[in-house]
Structure formats: structure tokens, C-alpha cells
Amino acid sequence: MLHIVRHGRTEMNASGKLLGRLNPELDDVGVQQAESLAKSFKKVDILISSPLLRTYQTAEAFGVPIETDERWIEMDYGELDGVPLNEVDAQTWSQWRADLDWAPKGGESHRQLGIRIREACEDLIPLITEKEIVVVSHVSPIKAALAWALNVGDQIAWRSYVSPASVMTIGPGPSLRAFNDISHL
């Protein structure tokens, strides 16, 4: 199985800011979430993490060797990175939702993100029938992996929610087995 999990909470998450490539650590709640998340897995054969600190700290809670894969890094929000969600103007939100190729200045589009995440997922598909794979990533890559698993467009990102320390499970096919599971918290 392929389990794609979101990192634990950071102070920036708690304060409602867009958090892309900025690199804060987990807050105390996030550390507890990471520990609970890791304990919920009986077996992990392969553990992959985004290179950012918050994902790596979450992965460390599993206590197994960690492989880093740059493709699982959060979307690049460019000039919007670190901006409070409620300070992004309505026109920007509207444009972003309407156009998969739109990106914040200096950032990345949903289409660009989808391409790299689909490639990362396809690389893991041959392994998921025999291995328990955990990938520790971020909101936007998880939504892109959801789009890949369901074979739908990347606009699904605007119609899904990913909680901190949640689990999405994908089986052979690919087939979606679970999404935004936080029963371990």
C-alpha cells in the first residue's frame, strides 16, 4: 500500500498562513501529531519525505530510515508564501481557482505540481502490492496525488481538505482506500 501523509502542525499552519517553501519546524502540537501518526502504522518498508523540516521531523517519528524525494516538496507559492490566507485578495483566489496554469509571481502552478506528483506516484506503483510505503508530504502534493489516484483533473485541489497528520491510502490500481484519515489523533 501507498500511504501519503501530511506533516504535523506548525505555528504558521495554526496561524492560517500559506506555507509553501518556507521551512518552519513542527510546533508542540505537531510533534504530538507526528508521534501519534507514526504509532498508527504497524509496518513501514519504505519511508519517503519531502526535504522540508516539518516533513522530515514528522518522518523521524517513524524511527526507520528516511529517503528524501524533492518531488514531494510543497507547492511553491512564490510571493504569497507566508501570507495570511485572509489577506489574499478575492481576484487572486478567483484567478487561481479558474486557471490550472496560473501561479503566484515566482511560484508554481497546479498543473506543474500535478506533473511532478504524478511522476512520483507512478514510480511507486510497482512497489505497492508488496511493500508498505509511507510518503510524508504537504497539502498540495497530497491533493495532486488524490487527483492522480482518481484519474481526475488537478482542479480537485479546490474541493478537498487535508488535515495536519492525516493519511491518504492508495492501493493497487491505483485505487483510493482512505482519504484525510485522522482517526489516530
N, C-alpha and C. Protein backbone atom coordinates (compact mmCIF):
# COMPACT_ATOMS: atom_id res chain seq x y z
N MET A 1 0.84 -1.19 0.00
CA MET A 1 0.00 0.00 0.00
C MET A 1 0.87 1.24 0.00
N LEU A 2 0.31 2.30 -0.52
CA LEU A 2 0.95 3.60 -0.52
C LEU A 2 0.17 4.51 0.41
N HIS A 3 0.84 4.98 1.44
CA HIS A 3 0.23 5.88 2.42
C HIS A 3 0.91 7.24 2.27
N ILE A 4 0.16 8.24 1.89
CA ILE A 4 0.70 9.58 1.75
C ILE A 4 0.15 10.40 2.91
N VAL A 5 1.06 10.88 3.76
CA VAL A 5 0.64 11.56 4.98
C VAL A 5 1.09 13.01 4.98
N ARG A 6 0.30 13.83 5.62
CA ARG A 6 0.68 15.24 5.78
C ARG A 6 1.48 15.38 7.08
N HIS A 7 2.43 16.28 7.05
CA HIS A 7 3.23 16.58 8.24
C HIS A 7 2.35 17.08 9.37
N GLY A 8 2.89 17.05 10.59
CA GLY A 8 2.22 17.64 11.74
C GLY A 8 2.16 19.16 11.64
N ARG A 9 1.44 19.74 12.54
CA ARG A 9 1.17 21.18 12.53
C ARG A 9 2.43 22.01 12.83
N THR A 10 2.48 23.17 12.20
CA THR A 10 3.49 24.19 12.52
C THR A 10 2.76 25.42 13.05
N GLU A 11 3.50 26.34 13.63
CA GLU A 11 2.90 27.58 14.10
C GLU A 11 2.28 28.36 12.93
N MET A 12 2.93 28.31 11.75
CA MET A 12 2.38 29.01 10.58
C MET A 12 1.06 28.40 10.15
N ASN A 13 0.94 27.05 10.22
CA ASN A 13 -0.34 26.41 9.91
C ASN A 13 -1.41 26.90 10.89
N ALA A 14 -1.06 26.90 12.17
CA ALA A 14 -2.01 27.28 13.21
C ALA A 14 -2.47 28.72 13.06
N SER A 15 -1.60 29.58 12.51
CA SER A 15 -1.96 30.99 12.37
C SER A 15 -2.60 31.32 11.03
N GLY A 16 -2.89 30.29 10.20
CA GLY A 16 -3.64 30.50 8.96
C GLY A 16 -2.87 31.18 7.85
N LYS A 17 -1.60 30.81 7.69
CA LYS A 17 -0.78 31.40 6.63
C LYS A 17 -0.50 30.37 5.54
N LEU A 18 -0.39 30.85 4.31
CA LEU A 18 0.05 29.99 3.22
C LEU A 18 1.47 29.55 3.53
N LEU A 19 1.70 28.26 3.49
CA LEU A 19 3.01 27.73 3.84
C LEU A 19 3.48 26.81 2.73
N GLY A 20 4.37 27.35 1.92
CA GLY A 20 4.93 26.59 0.81
C GLY A 20 6.34 26.15 1.09
N ARG A 21 7.30 26.88 0.55
CA ARG A 21 8.71 26.50 0.67
C ARG A 21 9.40 27.09 1.90
N LEU A 22 8.70 27.94 2.66
CA LEU A 22 9.27 28.38 3.94
C LEU A 22 9.50 27.13 4.79
N ASN A 23 10.40 27.19 5.75
CA ASN A 23 10.85 25.95 6.37
C ASN A 23 10.76 25.95 7.90
N PRO A 24 9.57 26.19 8.47
CA PRO A 24 9.46 26.16 9.93
C PRO A 24 9.44 24.72 10.46
N GLU A 25 9.74 24.61 11.74
CA GLU A 25 9.67 23.31 12.39
C GLU A 25 8.26 23.05 12.90
N LEU A 26 8.01 21.83 13.33
CA LEU A 26 6.73 21.49 13.94
C LEU A 26 6.60 22.24 15.26
N ASP A 27 5.36 22.62 15.60
CA ASP A 27 5.13 23.16 16.94
C ASP A 27 4.87 21.98 17.88
N ASP A 28 4.58 22.24 19.16
CA ASP A 28 4.39 21.15 20.12
C ASP A 28 3.24 20.24 19.73
N VAL A 29 2.16 20.81 19.22
CA VAL A 29 1.03 20.00 18.76
C VAL A 29 1.46 19.13 17.58
N GLY A 30 2.23 19.71 16.67
CA GLY A 30 2.71 18.97 15.51
C GLY A 30 3.59 17.79 15.88
N VAL A 31 4.44 17.97 16.90
CA VAL A 31 5.29 16.86 17.37
C VAL A 31 4.41 15.74 17.91
N GLN A 32 3.40 16.07 18.69
CA GLN A 32 2.47 15.06 19.22
C GLN A 32 1.71 14.37 18.09
N GLN A 33 1.28 15.14 17.09
CA GLN A 33 0.58 14.56 15.95
C GLN A 33 1.49 13.58 15.20
N ALA A 34 2.75 13.96 15.01
CA ALA A 34 3.70 13.09 14.30
C ALA A 34 3.89 11.78 15.06
N GLU A 35 3.99 11.86 16.37
CA GLU A 35 4.15 10.65 17.18
C GLU A 35 2.93 9.74 17.09
N SER A 36 1.74 10.32 17.17
CA SER A 36 0.51 9.53 17.05
C SER A 36 0.38 8.91 15.66
N LEU A 37 0.72 9.69 14.65
CA LEU A 37 0.68 9.21 13.28
C LEU A 37 1.60 8.01 13.11
N ALA A 38 2.84 8.14 13.54
CA ALA A 38 3.81 7.05 13.39
C ALA A 38 3.37 5.80 14.13
N LYS A 39 2.83 5.94 15.32
CA LYS A 39 2.38 4.79 16.10
C LYS A 39 1.22 4.05 15.44
N SER A 40 0.50 4.72 14.56
CA SER A 40 -0.67 4.09 13.92
C SER A 40 -0.27 3.10 12.82
N PHE A 41 1.00 3.09 12.44
CA PHE A 41 1.48 2.16 11.40
C PHE A 41 2.17 0.97 12.04
N LYS A 42 1.72 -0.23 11.69
CA LYS A 42 2.34 -1.44 12.21
C LYS A 42 3.64 -1.77 11.49
N LYS A 43 3.70 -1.43 10.21
CA LYS A 43 4.85 -1.79 9.39
C LYS A 43 5.10 -0.69 8.36
N VAL A 44 6.37 -0.33 8.18
CA VAL A 44 6.78 0.61 7.13
C VAL A 44 8.02 0.03 6.47
N ASP A 45 7.88 -0.32 5.19
CA ASP A 45 9.02 -0.87 4.45
C ASP A 45 9.87 0.23 3.81
N ILE A 46 9.21 1.26 3.33
CA ILE A 46 9.90 2.38 2.68
C ILE A 46 9.29 3.66 3.22
N LEU A 47 10.15 4.58 3.67
CA LEU A 47 9.69 5.87 4.19
C LEU A 47 10.35 6.97 3.37
N ILE A 48 9.52 7.79 2.74
CA ILE A 48 9.99 8.87 1.87
C ILE A 48 9.49 10.19 2.45
N SER A 49 10.33 11.21 2.39
CA SER A 49 9.94 12.52 2.91
C SER A 49 10.31 13.63 1.93
N SER A 50 9.48 14.64 1.92
CA SER A 50 9.85 15.93 1.33
C SER A 50 11.09 16.41 2.08
N PRO A 51 11.92 17.24 1.46
CA PRO A 51 13.12 17.71 2.15
C PRO A 51 12.90 18.79 3.20
N LEU A 52 11.69 19.33 3.31
CA LEU A 52 11.46 20.42 4.26
C LEU A 52 11.43 19.91 5.70
N LEU A 53 11.83 20.75 6.63
CA LEU A 53 12.00 20.38 8.03
C LEU A 53 10.73 19.78 8.64
N ARG A 54 9.58 20.38 8.38
CA ARG A 54 8.35 19.91 9.02
C ARG A 54 7.99 18.48 8.59
N THR A 55 8.29 18.13 7.34
CA THR A 55 8.02 16.76 6.90
C THR A 55 9.09 15.81 7.44
N TYR A 56 10.32 16.25 7.44
CA TYR A 56 11.41 15.40 7.92
C TYR A 56 11.25 15.11 9.41
N GLN A 57 10.84 16.11 10.19
CA GLN A 57 10.58 15.88 11.62
C GLN A 57 9.44 14.89 11.81
N THR A 58 8.42 14.99 10.99
CA THR A 58 7.30 14.03 11.06
C THR A 58 7.80 12.63 10.71
N ALA A 59 8.60 12.52 9.67
CA ALA A 59 9.13 11.21 9.25
C ALA A 59 10.03 10.61 10.34
N GLU A 60 10.80 11.42 11.03
CA GLU A 60 11.68 10.91 12.08
C GLU A 60 10.92 10.17 13.17
N ALA A 61 9.67 10.53 13.40
CA ALA A 61 8.86 9.88 14.44
C ALA A 61 8.64 8.40 14.14
N PHE A 62 8.78 7.99 12.87
CA PHE A 62 8.58 6.59 12.49
C PHE A 62 9.74 5.70 12.93
N GLY A 63 10.91 6.28 13.15
CA GLY A 63 12.05 5.51 13.62
C GLY A 63 12.64 4.54 12.62
N VAL A 64 12.43 4.78 11.33
CA VAL A 64 13.03 3.95 10.29
C VAL A 64 13.81 4.85 9.33
N PRO A 65 14.72 4.27 8.53
CA PRO A 65 15.49 5.11 7.59
C PRO A 65 14.58 5.91 6.66
N ILE A 66 14.99 7.14 6.38
CA ILE A 66 14.20 8.08 5.58
C ILE A 66 14.91 8.35 4.26
N GLU A 67 14.17 8.19 3.16
CA GLU A 67 14.65 8.62 1.85
C GLU A 67 14.03 9.99 1.57
N THR A 68 14.80 10.92 1.04
CA THR A 68 14.28 12.24 0.69
C THR A 68 14.02 12.28 -0.81
N ASP A 69 12.85 12.79 -1.19
CA ASP A 69 12.49 12.94 -2.60
C ASP A 69 11.97 14.36 -2.80
N GLU A 70 12.72 15.15 -3.55
CA GLU A 70 12.38 16.56 -3.81
C GLU A 70 11.01 16.72 -4.46
N ARG A 71 10.54 15.73 -5.18
CA ARG A 71 9.26 15.86 -5.88
C ARG A 71 8.09 16.02 -4.91
N TRP A 72 8.25 15.59 -3.66
CA TRP A 72 7.17 15.65 -2.69
C TRP A 72 7.15 16.95 -1.89
N ILE A 73 8.01 17.92 -2.28
CA ILE A 73 8.04 19.22 -1.61
C ILE A 73 6.72 19.97 -1.87
N GLU A 74 6.38 20.87 -0.97
CA GLU A 74 5.14 21.64 -1.11
C GLU A 74 5.18 22.52 -2.36
N MET A 75 4.01 22.87 -2.84
CA MET A 75 3.89 23.80 -3.96
C MET A 75 4.63 25.09 -3.63
N ASP A 76 5.23 25.67 -4.63
CA ASP A 76 5.92 26.94 -4.45
C ASP A 76 4.89 28.06 -4.60
N TYR A 77 4.59 28.73 -3.49
CA TYR A 77 3.61 29.81 -3.50
C TYR A 77 4.21 31.16 -3.87
N GLY A 78 5.50 31.15 -4.23
CA GLY A 78 6.15 32.38 -4.67
C GLY A 78 5.93 33.52 -3.70
N GLU A 79 5.51 34.68 -4.22
CA GLU A 79 5.35 35.87 -3.39
C GLU A 79 4.23 35.74 -2.35
N LEU A 80 3.40 34.70 -2.46
CA LEU A 80 2.33 34.50 -1.48
C LEU A 80 2.76 33.64 -0.30
N ASP A 81 3.96 33.08 -0.34
CA ASP A 81 4.43 32.22 0.75
C ASP A 81 4.51 33.02 2.05
N GLY A 82 3.83 32.53 3.07
CA GLY A 82 3.82 33.19 4.37
C GLY A 82 2.73 34.22 4.54
N VAL A 83 1.94 34.47 3.50
CA VAL A 83 0.87 35.46 3.58
C VAL A 83 -0.35 34.83 4.26
N PRO A 84 -0.98 35.54 5.22
CA PRO A 84 -2.21 35.02 5.81
C PRO A 84 -3.28 34.79 4.73
N LEU A 85 -3.98 33.67 4.84
CA LEU A 85 -5.00 33.32 3.84
C LEU A 85 -6.01 34.44 3.66
N ASN A 86 -6.41 35.08 4.74
CA ASN A 86 -7.43 36.13 4.65
C ASN A 86 -6.91 37.44 4.06
N GLU A 87 -5.61 37.51 3.77
CA GLU A 87 -5.05 38.70 3.14
C GLU A 87 -4.83 38.53 1.63
N VAL A 88 -5.14 37.35 1.11
CA VAL A 88 -5.06 37.14 -0.34
C VAL A 88 -6.37 37.66 -0.92
N ASP A 89 -6.28 38.59 -1.88
CA ASP A 89 -7.49 39.24 -2.38
C ASP A 89 -8.36 38.27 -3.20
N ALA A 90 -9.63 38.60 -3.29
CA ALA A 90 -10.62 37.76 -3.95
C ALA A 90 -10.28 37.53 -5.42
N GLN A 91 -9.75 38.53 -6.10
CA GLN A 91 -9.40 38.37 -7.52
C GLN A 91 -8.30 37.32 -7.70
N THR A 92 -7.33 37.30 -6.81
CA THR A 92 -6.26 36.31 -6.88
C THR A 92 -6.82 34.91 -6.67
N TRP A 93 -7.66 34.74 -5.64
CA TRP A 93 -8.28 33.43 -5.40
C TRP A 93 -9.08 32.99 -6.63
N SER A 94 -9.84 33.89 -7.19
CA SER A 94 -10.68 33.57 -8.35
C SER A 94 -9.82 33.13 -9.54
N GLN A 95 -8.77 33.87 -9.82
CA GLN A 95 -7.88 33.54 -10.93
C GLN A 95 -7.19 32.20 -10.70
N TRP A 96 -6.73 31.98 -9.48
CA TRP A 96 -6.04 30.74 -9.12
C TRP A 96 -6.96 29.54 -9.31
N ARG A 97 -8.21 29.67 -8.86
CA ARG A 97 -9.17 28.56 -8.97
C ARG A 97 -9.60 28.29 -10.42
N ALA A 98 -9.61 29.31 -11.24
CA ALA A 98 -10.12 29.18 -12.61
C ALA A 98 -9.08 28.67 -13.60
N ASP A 99 -7.80 28.78 -13.28
CA ASP A 99 -6.76 28.50 -14.28
C ASP A 99 -5.66 27.63 -13.67
N LEU A 100 -5.60 26.36 -14.09
CA LEU A 100 -4.60 25.43 -13.57
C LEU A 100 -3.17 25.86 -13.92
N ASP A 101 -3.01 26.73 -14.90
CA ASP A 101 -1.68 27.20 -15.29
C ASP A 101 -1.27 28.49 -14.58
N TRP A 102 -2.19 29.10 -13.82
CA TRP A 102 -1.85 30.32 -13.10
C TRP A 102 -0.96 29.99 -11.92
N ALA A 103 0.01 30.84 -11.66
CA ALA A 103 0.89 30.67 -10.50
C ALA A 103 1.15 32.04 -9.88
N PRO A 104 1.31 32.07 -8.56
CA PRO A 104 1.72 33.33 -7.95
C PRO A 104 3.08 33.75 -8.51
N LYS A 105 3.37 35.04 -8.53
CA LYS A 105 4.65 35.51 -9.04
C LYS A 105 5.79 34.78 -8.33
N GLY A 106 6.66 34.17 -9.15
CA GLY A 106 7.79 33.43 -8.61
C GLY A 106 7.43 32.04 -8.12
N GLY A 107 6.19 31.61 -8.35
CA GLY A 107 5.72 30.33 -7.81
C GLY A 107 5.44 29.28 -8.87
N GLU A 108 4.63 28.34 -8.51
CA GLU A 108 4.35 27.14 -9.30
C GLU A 108 2.85 27.01 -9.51
N SER A 109 2.43 26.50 -10.65
CA SER A 109 1.01 26.29 -10.94
C SER A 109 0.57 24.91 -10.46
N HIS A 110 -0.75 24.74 -10.35
CA HIS A 110 -1.29 23.43 -10.02
C HIS A 110 -0.93 22.40 -11.09
N ARG A 111 -0.90 22.81 -12.33
CA ARG A 111 -0.54 21.87 -13.40
C ARG A 111 0.91 21.40 -13.25
N GLN A 112 1.83 22.33 -12.97
CA GLN A 112 3.23 21.95 -12.76
C GLN A 112 3.37 20.99 -11.58
N LEU A 113 2.68 21.29 -10.50
CA LEU A 113 2.70 20.42 -9.33
C LEU A 113 2.16 19.04 -9.70
N GLY A 114 1.04 19.01 -10.40
CA GLY A 114 0.43 17.73 -10.78
C GLY A 114 1.36 16.85 -11.60
N ILE A 115 2.11 17.46 -12.50
CA ILE A 115 3.04 16.69 -13.35
C ILE A 115 4.10 16.01 -12.49
N ARG A 116 4.71 16.75 -11.56
CA ARG A 116 5.78 16.14 -10.76
C ARG A 116 5.25 15.10 -9.78
N ILE A 117 4.05 15.32 -9.25
CA ILE A 117 3.49 14.35 -8.30
C ILE A 117 3.02 13.09 -9.02
N ARG A 118 2.43 13.23 -10.19
CA ARG A 118 2.04 12.03 -10.95
C ARG A 118 3.26 11.17 -11.25
N GLU A 119 4.37 11.81 -11.61
CA GLU A 119 5.61 11.07 -11.88
C GLU A 119 6.09 10.33 -10.61
N ALA A 120 6.05 11.02 -9.47
CA ALA A 120 6.47 10.40 -8.21
C ALA A 120 5.57 9.22 -7.85
N CYS A 121 4.27 9.37 -8.05
CA CYS A 121 3.33 8.28 -7.77
C CYS A 121 3.55 7.09 -8.70
N GLU A 122 3.70 7.37 -9.97
CA GLU A 122 3.93 6.29 -10.95
C GLU A 122 5.18 5.49 -10.62
N ASP A 123 6.21 6.16 -10.11
CA ASP A 123 7.44 5.46 -9.73
C ASP A 123 7.20 4.48 -8.57
N LEU A 124 6.21 4.76 -7.73
CA LEU A 124 5.95 3.90 -6.56
C LEU A 124 4.95 2.78 -6.85
N ILE A 125 4.13 2.92 -7.87
CA ILE A 125 3.09 1.94 -8.16
C ILE A 125 3.59 0.49 -8.24
N PRO A 126 4.72 0.21 -8.88
CA PRO A 126 5.17 -1.18 -8.95
C PRO A 126 5.48 -1.80 -7.58
N LEU A 127 5.67 -0.98 -6.57
CA LEU A 127 6.07 -1.48 -5.25
C LEU A 127 4.90 -1.69 -4.29
N ILE A 128 3.74 -1.10 -4.57
CA ILE A 128 2.70 -1.06 -3.54
C ILE A 128 1.97 -2.37 -3.30
N THR A 129 2.13 -3.35 -4.16
CA THR A 129 1.49 -4.64 -3.89
C THR A 129 2.29 -5.46 -2.88
N GLU A 130 3.57 -5.18 -2.74
CA GLU A 130 4.42 -5.97 -1.85
C GLU A 130 4.99 -5.19 -0.68
N LYS A 131 4.94 -3.88 -0.71
CA LYS A 131 5.58 -3.04 0.31
C LYS A 131 4.57 -2.08 0.93
N GLU A 132 4.84 -1.74 2.18
CA GLU A 132 4.10 -0.68 2.86
C GLU A 132 4.96 0.58 2.74
N ILE A 133 4.49 1.52 1.94
CA ILE A 133 5.25 2.73 1.65
C ILE A 133 4.54 3.92 2.31
N VAL A 134 5.31 4.71 3.03
CA VAL A 134 4.78 5.93 3.62
C VAL A 134 5.55 7.11 3.02
N VAL A 135 4.81 8.07 2.49
CA VAL A 135 5.39 9.31 1.98
C VAL A 135 4.90 10.44 2.88
N VAL A 136 5.82 11.22 3.43
CA VAL A 136 5.45 12.36 4.26
C VAL A 136 5.58 13.61 3.40
N SER A 137 4.44 14.29 3.20
CA SER A 137 4.42 15.42 2.27
C SER A 137 3.57 16.55 2.83
N HIS A 138 2.95 17.29 1.93
CA HIS A 138 2.25 18.54 2.25
C HIS A 138 0.87 18.56 1.60
N VAL A 139 0.09 19.57 1.93
CA VAL A 139 -1.29 19.70 1.43
C VAL A 139 -1.39 19.57 -0.09
N SER A 140 -0.72 20.45 -0.81
CA SER A 140 -0.91 20.49 -2.27
C SER A 140 -0.42 19.22 -2.98
N PRO A 141 0.74 18.65 -2.63
CA PRO A 141 1.12 17.39 -3.25
C PRO A 141 0.15 16.25 -2.93
N ILE A 142 -0.42 16.26 -1.73
CA ILE A 142 -1.40 15.21 -1.39
C ILE A 142 -2.64 15.36 -2.25
N LYS A 143 -3.09 16.58 -2.46
CA LYS A 143 -4.25 16.80 -3.33
C LYS A 143 -3.94 16.39 -4.77
N ALA A 144 -2.71 16.64 -5.22
CA ALA A 144 -2.31 16.22 -6.58
C ALA A 144 -2.26 14.70 -6.67
N ALA A 145 -1.82 14.03 -5.61
CA ALA A 145 -1.81 12.56 -5.59
C ALA A 145 -3.24 12.02 -5.58
N LEU A 146 -4.14 12.71 -4.91
CA LEU A 146 -5.56 12.33 -4.94
C LEU A 146 -6.08 12.40 -6.37
N ALA A 147 -5.78 13.48 -7.07
CA ALA A 147 -6.20 13.63 -8.47
C ALA A 147 -5.65 12.48 -9.32
N TRP A 148 -4.39 12.13 -9.10
CA TRP A 148 -3.77 11.00 -9.82
C TRP A 148 -4.50 9.70 -9.51
N ALA A 149 -4.73 9.41 -8.24
CA ALA A 149 -5.38 8.15 -7.84
C ALA A 149 -6.78 8.02 -8.44
N LEU A 150 -7.51 9.14 -8.48
CA LEU A 150 -8.88 9.12 -9.00
C LEU A 150 -8.96 9.34 -10.51
N ASN A 151 -7.80 9.63 -11.11
CA ASN A 151 -7.73 9.90 -12.56
C ASN A 151 -8.65 11.06 -12.95
N VAL A 152 -8.54 12.15 -12.16
CA VAL A 152 -9.32 13.36 -12.42
C VAL A 152 -8.36 14.54 -12.55
N GLY A 153 -8.88 15.69 -12.91
CA GLY A 153 -8.06 16.87 -13.09
C GLY A 153 -7.59 17.47 -11.78
N ASP A 154 -6.55 18.26 -11.88
CA ASP A 154 -5.95 18.88 -10.70
C ASP A 154 -6.83 19.92 -10.02
N GLN A 155 -7.93 20.31 -10.66
CA GLN A 155 -8.84 21.26 -10.03
C GLN A 155 -9.52 20.67 -8.79
N ILE A 156 -9.41 19.36 -8.59
CA ILE A 156 -9.95 18.74 -7.38
C ILE A 156 -9.31 19.33 -6.12
N ALA A 157 -8.14 19.95 -6.29
CA ALA A 157 -7.45 20.57 -5.16
C ALA A 157 -8.34 21.56 -4.43
N TRP A 158 -9.21 22.22 -5.17
CA TRP A 158 -10.06 23.24 -4.57
C TRP A 158 -11.29 22.64 -3.90
N ARG A 159 -11.49 21.33 -4.03
CA ARG A 159 -12.68 20.68 -3.47
C ARG A 159 -12.32 19.59 -2.47
N SER A 160 -11.12 19.69 -1.91
CA SER A 160 -10.70 18.70 -0.92
C SER A 160 -9.93 19.40 0.21
N TYR A 161 -9.94 18.77 1.36
CA TYR A 161 -9.28 19.33 2.54
C TYR A 161 -8.36 18.26 3.11
N VAL A 162 -7.16 18.69 3.51
CA VAL A 162 -6.17 17.77 4.06
C VAL A 162 -5.75 18.27 5.45
N SER A 163 -6.08 17.52 6.47
CA SER A 163 -5.74 17.88 7.85
C SER A 163 -4.28 17.60 8.16
N PRO A 164 -3.70 18.34 9.11
CA PRO A 164 -2.36 18.01 9.56
C PRO A 164 -2.31 16.57 10.10
N ALA A 165 -1.25 15.86 9.78
CA ALA A 165 -1.00 14.49 10.23
C ALA A 165 -2.08 13.49 9.76
N SER A 166 -2.73 13.81 8.65
CA SER A 166 -3.74 12.89 8.10
C SER A 166 -3.10 11.90 7.14
N VAL A 167 -3.84 10.84 6.85
CA VAL A 167 -3.36 9.75 6.00
C VAL A 167 -4.28 9.57 4.80
N MET A 168 -3.69 9.45 3.62
CA MET A 168 -4.40 9.01 2.42
C MET A 168 -3.76 7.68 2.04
N THR A 169 -4.59 6.66 1.80
CA THR A 169 -4.08 5.34 1.43
C THR A 169 -4.54 4.99 0.03
N ILE A 170 -3.57 4.56 -0.78
CA ILE A 170 -3.82 4.17 -2.17
C ILE A 170 -3.35 2.75 -2.36
N GLY A 171 -4.23 1.93 -2.92
CA GLY A 171 -3.90 0.54 -3.20
C GLY A 171 -3.62 0.34 -4.68
N PRO A 172 -3.38 -0.92 -5.04
CA PRO A 172 -3.12 -1.23 -6.46
C PRO A 172 -4.26 -0.74 -7.33
N GLY A 173 -3.92 -0.40 -8.53
CA GLY A 173 -4.92 0.07 -9.50
C GLY A 173 -4.49 1.27 -10.28
N PRO A 174 -4.25 2.40 -9.69
CA PRO A 174 -4.39 2.77 -8.28
C PRO A 174 -5.85 2.91 -7.88
N SER A 175 -6.10 2.65 -6.60
CA SER A 175 -7.45 2.83 -6.07
C SER A 175 -7.35 3.51 -4.70
N LEU A 176 -8.20 4.49 -4.49
CA LEU A 176 -8.23 5.23 -3.24
C LEU A 176 -8.88 4.36 -2.17
N ARG A 177 -8.16 4.14 -1.07
CA ARG A 177 -8.67 3.32 0.03
C ARG A 177 -9.12 4.16 1.21
N ALA A 178 -8.44 5.31 1.41
CA ALA A 178 -8.80 6.20 2.53
C ALA A 178 -8.28 7.60 2.18
N PHE A 179 -8.99 8.61 2.70
CA PHE A 179 -8.54 9.99 2.47
C PHE A 179 -8.80 10.82 3.72
N ASN A 180 -7.81 11.64 4.08
CA ASN A 180 -7.90 12.56 5.22
C ASN A 180 -8.27 11.83 6.52
N ASP A 181 -7.69 10.64 6.70
CA ASP A 181 -7.94 9.84 7.91
C ASP A 181 -7.14 10.42 9.06
N ILE A 182 -7.84 10.83 10.10
CA ILE A 182 -7.19 11.35 11.31
C ILE A 182 -7.64 10.56 12.54
N SER A 183 -8.11 9.33 12.34
CA SER A 183 -8.62 8.52 13.45
C SER A 183 -7.55 8.23 14.50
N HIS A 184 -6.28 8.34 14.15
CA HIS A 184 -5.18 8.08 15.09
C HIS A 184 -4.90 9.26 16.02
N LEU A 185 -5.51 10.40 15.75
CA LEU A 185 -5.19 11.60 16.56
C LEU A 185 -6.10 11.73 17.76
